[in-house]
Amino acid sequence: MFYDDFFQKCHTKELDNFIHEDDILLFKSNNIAVLYYFFPLIERLVIELLDLTSLVNIEHKDQGTIRTVNSLLHQEKTKEILGNSLIKKLEKYFKDDGIRNKIMHYNNDINKIQIDKEDMQIIKYITIQLASLYEEELKKIDSIKIERIDLIKK
């Protein structure tokens, strides 16, 4: 599967804080319960990625709460960072009536949650895409080299 290659590579310690080698078992599972792991992980990766690029103010308060991933997806800067294809995939699952909200805010009287294997694979793929993008951005930041610092005289 697509995630096998990802888990065979060495990753940065920063990414290892989010995704561990033993998490491959969750990627191999098709149990709907693993979405309780994937959706918060996706949210964390989106926020860390946007925070890392410093282009999006993730801490701006909307009605007293930190912005949701759904609200961040509609910002132009977020689209520049994540790209339209990934944004569209995220919007599908994070919209107000999307699978993420149905699972995380489950109400037995209202919600009937159905998810097919294809959606499950797409959610896992989104996670890998975000993790890879996060590492790419980390490498860009690490590669910035300060050539010269001049002493400012008063």
C-alpha atoms as a PDB file:
ATOM      1  CA  MET A   1       0.000   0.000   0.000  1.00  0.00           C
ATOM      2  CA  PHE A   2       0.985   3.649  -0.396  1.00  0.00           C
ATOM      3  CA  TYR A   3       1.740   3.988   3.312  1.00  0.00           C
ATOM      4  CA  ASP A   4       4.285   1.152   3.351  1.00  0.00           C
ATOM      5  CA  ASP A   5       6.820   3.344   1.532  1.00  0.00           C
ATOM      6  CA  PHE A   6       6.176   6.166   3.958  1.00  0.00           C
ATOM      7  CA  PHE A   7       6.845   4.020   7.027  1.00  0.00           C
ATOM      8  CA  GLN A   8      10.010   2.499   5.555  1.00  0.00           C
ATOM      9  CA  LYS A   9      11.691   5.916   5.359  1.00  0.00           C
ATOM     10  CA  CYS A  10      13.464   7.689   8.177  1.00  0.00           C
ATOM     11  CA  HIS A  11      11.637  10.791   9.333  1.00  0.00           C
ATOM     12  CA  THR A  12      12.447  13.895  11.290  1.00  0.00           C
ATOM     13  CA  LYS A  13      12.076  13.853  15.050  1.00  0.00           C
ATOM     14  CA  GLU A  14       9.403  16.541  14.666  1.00  0.00           C
ATOM     15  CA  LEU A  15       7.251  14.258  12.533  1.00  0.00           C
ATOM     16  CA  ASP A  16       8.002  11.326  14.818  1.00  0.00           C
ATOM     17  CA  ASN A  17       6.172  13.297  17.503  1.00  0.00           C
ATOM     18  CA  PHE A  18       2.981  12.853  15.443  1.00  0.00           C
ATOM     19  CA  ILE A  19       3.375   9.584  13.575  1.00  0.00           C
ATOM     20  CA  HIS A  20       5.308   6.624  14.933  1.00  0.00           C
ATOM     21  CA  GLU A  21       6.549   3.481  13.270  1.00  0.00           C
ATOM     22  CA  ASP A  22       3.962   1.357  15.063  1.00  0.00           C
ATOM     23  CA  ASP A  23       1.133   3.547  13.719  1.00  0.00           C
ATOM     24  CA  ILE A  24       1.316   1.525  10.507  1.00  0.00           C
ATOM     25  CA  LEU A  25      -1.114  -0.879  12.175  1.00  0.00           C
ATOM     26  CA  LEU A  26      -3.733   1.881  12.163  1.00  0.00           C
ATOM     27  CA  PHE A  27      -3.112   2.494   8.466  1.00  0.00           C
ATOM     28  CA  LYS A  28      -3.632  -1.205   7.780  1.00  0.00           C
ATOM     29  CA  SER A  29      -6.941  -1.292   9.641  1.00  0.00           C
ATOM     30  CA  ASN A  30     -10.289  -0.662   7.963  1.00  0.00           C
ATOM     31  CA  ASN A  31     -12.135  -0.369  11.267  1.00  0.00           C
ATOM     32  CA  ILE A  32     -14.078   2.903  11.389  1.00  0.00           C
ATOM     33  CA  ALA A  33     -12.712   3.502  14.906  1.00  0.00           C
ATOM     34  CA  VAL A  34      -9.282   4.419  13.474  1.00  0.00           C
ATOM     35  CA  LEU A  35     -10.858   7.647  12.238  1.00  0.00           C
ATOM     36  CA  TYR A  36     -10.766   8.808  15.866  1.00  0.00           C
ATOM     37  CA  TYR A  37      -6.993   8.756  15.349  1.00  0.00           C
ATOM     38  CA  PHE A  38      -6.811  10.069  11.788  1.00  0.00           C
ATOM     39  CA  PHE A  39      -9.046  13.129  12.014  1.00  0.00           C
ATOM     40  CA  PRO A  40      -7.256  14.708  15.008  1.00  0.00           C
ATOM     41  CA  LEU A  41      -3.913  13.808  13.404  1.00  0.00           C
ATOM     42  CA  ILE A  42      -4.946  15.504  10.157  1.00  0.00           C
ATOM     43  CA  GLU A  43      -6.056  18.579  12.109  1.00  0.00           C
ATOM     44  CA  ARG A  44      -2.754  18.676  13.984  1.00  0.00           C
ATOM     45  CA  LEU A  45      -0.724  18.310  10.792  1.00  0.00           C
ATOM     46  CA  VAL A  46      -2.681  21.078   9.047  1.00  0.00           C
ATOM     47  CA  ILE A  47      -2.212  23.430  11.984  1.00  0.00           C
ATOM     48  CA  GLU A  48       1.483  22.585  12.417  1.00  0.00           C
ATOM     49  CA  LEU A  49       2.078  22.990   8.695  1.00  0.00           C
ATOM     50  CA  LEU A  50       0.347  26.359   8.542  1.00  0.00           C
ATOM     51  CA  ASP A  51       2.111  27.488  11.696  1.00  0.00           C
ATOM     52  CA  LEU A  52       5.449  26.376  10.265  1.00  0.00           C
ATOM     53  CA  THR A  53       4.990  28.395   7.094  1.00  0.00           C
ATOM     54  CA  SER A  54       3.950  31.448   9.161  1.00  0.00           C
ATOM     55  CA  LEU A  55       1.601  32.554   6.413  1.00  0.00           C
ATOM     56  CA  VAL A  56      -1.665  31.840   8.168  1.00  0.00           C
ATOM     57  CA  ASN A  57      -2.716  33.185  11.543  1.00  0.00           C
ATOM     58  CA  ILE A  58      -4.032  30.020  13.156  1.00  0.00           C
ATOM     59  CA  GLU A  59      -4.515  31.611  16.549  1.00  0.00           C
ATOM     60  CA  HIS A  60      -6.993  34.250  15.416  1.00  0.00           C
ATOM     61  CA  LYS A  61     -10.064  33.789  17.522  1.00  0.00           C
ATOM     62  CA  ASP A  62     -13.462  33.216  15.913  1.00  0.00           C
ATOM     63  CA  GLN A  63     -16.197  33.594  18.512  1.00  0.00           C
ATOM     64  CA  GLY A  64     -13.794  32.813  21.338  1.00  0.00           C
ATOM     65  CA  THR A  65     -12.325  29.629  19.892  1.00  0.00           C
ATOM     66  CA  ILE A  66      -9.251  28.858  17.849  1.00  0.00           C
ATOM     67  CA  ARG A  67     -10.053  28.584  14.169  1.00  0.00           C
ATOM     68  CA  THR A  68     -11.208  25.217  12.968  1.00  0.00           C
ATOM     69  CA  VAL A  69      -9.524  23.384  10.127  1.00  0.00           C
ATOM     70  CA  ASN A  70     -12.671  23.987   8.100  1.00  0.00           C
ATOM     71  CA  SER A  71     -12.343  27.772   8.482  1.00  0.00           C
ATOM     72  CA  LEU A  72      -8.606  27.646   7.718  1.00  0.00           C
ATOM     73  CA  LEU A  73      -9.231  25.779   4.457  1.00  0.00           C
ATOM     74  CA  HIS A  74     -11.088  28.753   3.006  1.00  0.00           C
ATOM     75  CA  GLN A  75      -8.146  31.136   3.294  1.00  0.00           C
ATOM     76  CA  GLU A  76      -6.209  31.942   0.151  1.00  0.00           C
ATOM     77  CA  LYS A  77      -2.835  31.441   1.869  1.00  0.00           C
ATOM     78  CA  THR A  78      -3.878  27.950   2.965  1.00  0.00           C
ATOM     79  CA  LYS A  79      -4.727  27.091  -0.637  1.00  0.00           C
ATOM     80  CA  GLU A  80      -1.269  28.265  -1.709  1.00  0.00           C
ATOM     81  CA  ILE A  81       0.398  26.022   0.857  1.00  0.00           C
ATOM     82  CA  LEU A  82      -1.718  22.877   0.530  1.00  0.00           C
ATOM     83  CA  GLY A  83      -2.800  23.132  -3.106  1.00  0.00           C
ATOM     84  CA  ASN A  84      -6.309  22.878  -4.536  1.00  0.00           C
ATOM     85  CA  SER A  85      -6.379  19.082  -4.806  1.00  0.00           C
ATOM     86  CA  LEU A  86      -5.591  18.513  -1.135  1.00  0.00           C
ATOM     87  CA  ILE A  87      -7.922  21.348  -0.080  1.00  0.00           C
ATOM     88  CA  LYS A  88     -10.836  19.749  -1.963  1.00  0.00           C
ATOM     89  CA  LYS A  89     -10.198  16.392  -0.290  1.00  0.00           C
ATOM     90  CA  LEU A  90     -10.005  17.996   3.143  1.00  0.00           C
ATOM     91  CA  GLU A  91     -13.148  20.059   2.563  1.00  0.00           C
ATOM     92  CA  LYS A  92     -15.108  16.927   1.693  1.00  0.00           C
ATOM     93  CA  TYR A  93     -14.361  15.279   5.024  1.00  0.00           C
ATOM     94  CA  PHE A  94     -14.212  18.371   7.267  1.00  0.00           C
ATOM     95  CA  LYS A  95     -17.302  20.244   6.076  1.00  0.00           C
ATOM     96  CA  ASP A  96     -20.072  20.776   8.626  1.00  0.00           C
ATOM     97  CA  ASP A  97     -21.989  17.677   7.505  1.00  0.00           C
ATOM     98  CA  GLY A  98     -18.847  15.700   6.647  1.00  0.00           C
ATOM     99  CA  ILE A  99     -17.688  12.397   8.071  1.00  0.00           C
ATOM    100  CA  ARG A 100     -15.322  14.044  10.560  1.00  0.00           C
ATOM    101  CA  ASN A 101     -18.085  15.996  12.298  1.00  0.00           C
ATOM    102  CA  LYS A 102     -20.478  13.061  12.242  1.00  0.00           C
ATOM    103  CA  ILE A 103     -17.905  10.884  13.981  1.00  0.00           C
ATOM    104  CA  MET A 104     -16.468  13.419  16.420  1.00  0.00           C
ATOM    105  CA  HIS A 105     -19.904  14.810  17.381  1.00  0.00           C
ATOM    106  CA  TYR A 106     -21.899  11.613  17.154  1.00  0.00           C
ATOM    107  CA  ASN A 107     -25.583  11.741  18.041  1.00  0.00           C
ATOM    108  CA  ASN A 108     -27.357   8.393  17.904  1.00  0.00           C
ATOM    109  CA  ASP A 109     -30.729  10.031  17.186  1.00  0.00           C
ATOM    110  CA  ILE A 110     -29.475  12.055  14.221  1.00  0.00           C
ATOM    111  CA  ASN A 111     -26.340  10.538  12.759  1.00  0.00           C
ATOM    112  CA  LYS A 112     -26.040   7.402  10.763  1.00  0.00           C
ATOM    113  CA  ILE A 113     -22.416   7.072   9.777  1.00  0.00           C
ATOM    114  CA  GLN A 114     -21.445   5.154   6.698  1.00  0.00           C
ATOM    115  CA  ILE A 115     -18.020   5.146   5.169  1.00  0.00           C
ATOM    116  CA  ASP A 116     -16.797   3.043   2.312  1.00  0.00           C
ATOM    117  CA  LYS A 117     -13.314   1.618   1.839  1.00  0.00           C
ATOM    118  CA  GLU A 118     -12.425   4.241  -0.760  1.00  0.00           C
ATOM    119  CA  ASP A 119     -13.120   7.112   1.644  1.00  0.00           C
ATOM    120  CA  MET A 120     -11.119   5.357   4.341  1.00  0.00           C
ATOM    121  CA  GLN A 121      -8.151   5.048   1.965  1.00  0.00           C
ATOM    122  CA  ILE A 122      -8.450   8.699   0.906  1.00  0.00           C
ATOM    123  CA  ILE A 123      -8.395   9.831   4.544  1.00  0.00           C
ATOM    124  CA  LYS A 124      -5.247   7.775   5.128  1.00  0.00           C
ATOM    125  CA  TYR A 125      -3.731   9.167   1.936  1.00  0.00           C
ATOM    126  CA  ILE A 126      -4.491  12.746   3.064  1.00  0.00           C
ATOM    127  CA  THR A 127      -2.632  11.998   6.301  1.00  0.00           C
ATOM    128  CA  ILE A 128       0.443  10.794   4.425  1.00  0.00           C
ATOM    129  CA  GLN A 129       0.299  13.780   2.046  1.00  0.00           C
ATOM    130  CA  LEU A 130       0.175  16.223   4.947  1.00  0.00           C
ATOM    131  CA  ALA A 131       2.981  14.439   6.804  1.00  0.00           C
ATOM    132  CA  SER A 132       5.169  14.505   3.693  1.00  0.00           C
ATOM    133  CA  LEU A 133       4.391  18.167   3.062  1.00  0.00           C
ATOM    134  CA  TYR A 134       5.198  18.955   6.688  1.00  0.00           C
ATOM    135  CA  GLU A 135       8.619  17.333   6.352  1.00  0.00           C
ATOM    136  CA  GLU A 136       9.295  19.185   3.092  1.00  0.00           C
ATOM    137  CA  GLU A 137       8.565  22.496   4.808  1.00  0.00           C
ATOM    138  CA  LEU A 138      10.812  21.526   7.737  1.00  0.00           C
ATOM    139  CA  LYS A 139      13.665  20.827   5.315  1.00  0.00           C
ATOM    140  CA  LYS A 140      13.169  24.226   3.666  1.00  0.00           C
ATOM    141  CA  ILE A 141      13.411  25.940   7.021  1.00  0.00           C
ATOM    142  CA  ASP A 142      16.463  23.909   8.034  1.00  0.00           C
ATOM    143  CA  SER A 143      18.204  24.760   4.760  1.00  0.00           C
ATOM    144  CA  ILE A 144      18.006  28.504   5.354  1.00  0.00           C
ATOM    145  CA  LYS A 145      21.500  29.625   6.106  1.00  0.00           C
ATOM    146  CA  ILE A 146      22.432  32.992   7.513  1.00  0.00           C
ATOM    147  CA  GLU A 147      25.448  34.137   5.544  1.00  0.00           C
ATOM    148  CA  ARG A 148      26.333  37.230   7.491  1.00  0.00           C
ATOM    149  CA  ILE A 149      25.093  39.123  10.475  1.00  0.00           C
ATOM    150  CA  ASP A 150      26.241  42.716  10.705  1.00  0.00           C
ATOM    151  CA  LEU A 151      26.670  44.366  14.050  1.00  0.00           C
ATOM    152  CA  ILE A 152      24.363  47.318  14.322  1.00  0.00           C
ATOM    153  CA  LYS A 153      26.153  50.225  15.931  1.00  0.00           C
ATOM    154  CA  LYS A 154      24.270  52.797  17.914  1.00  0.00           C
END
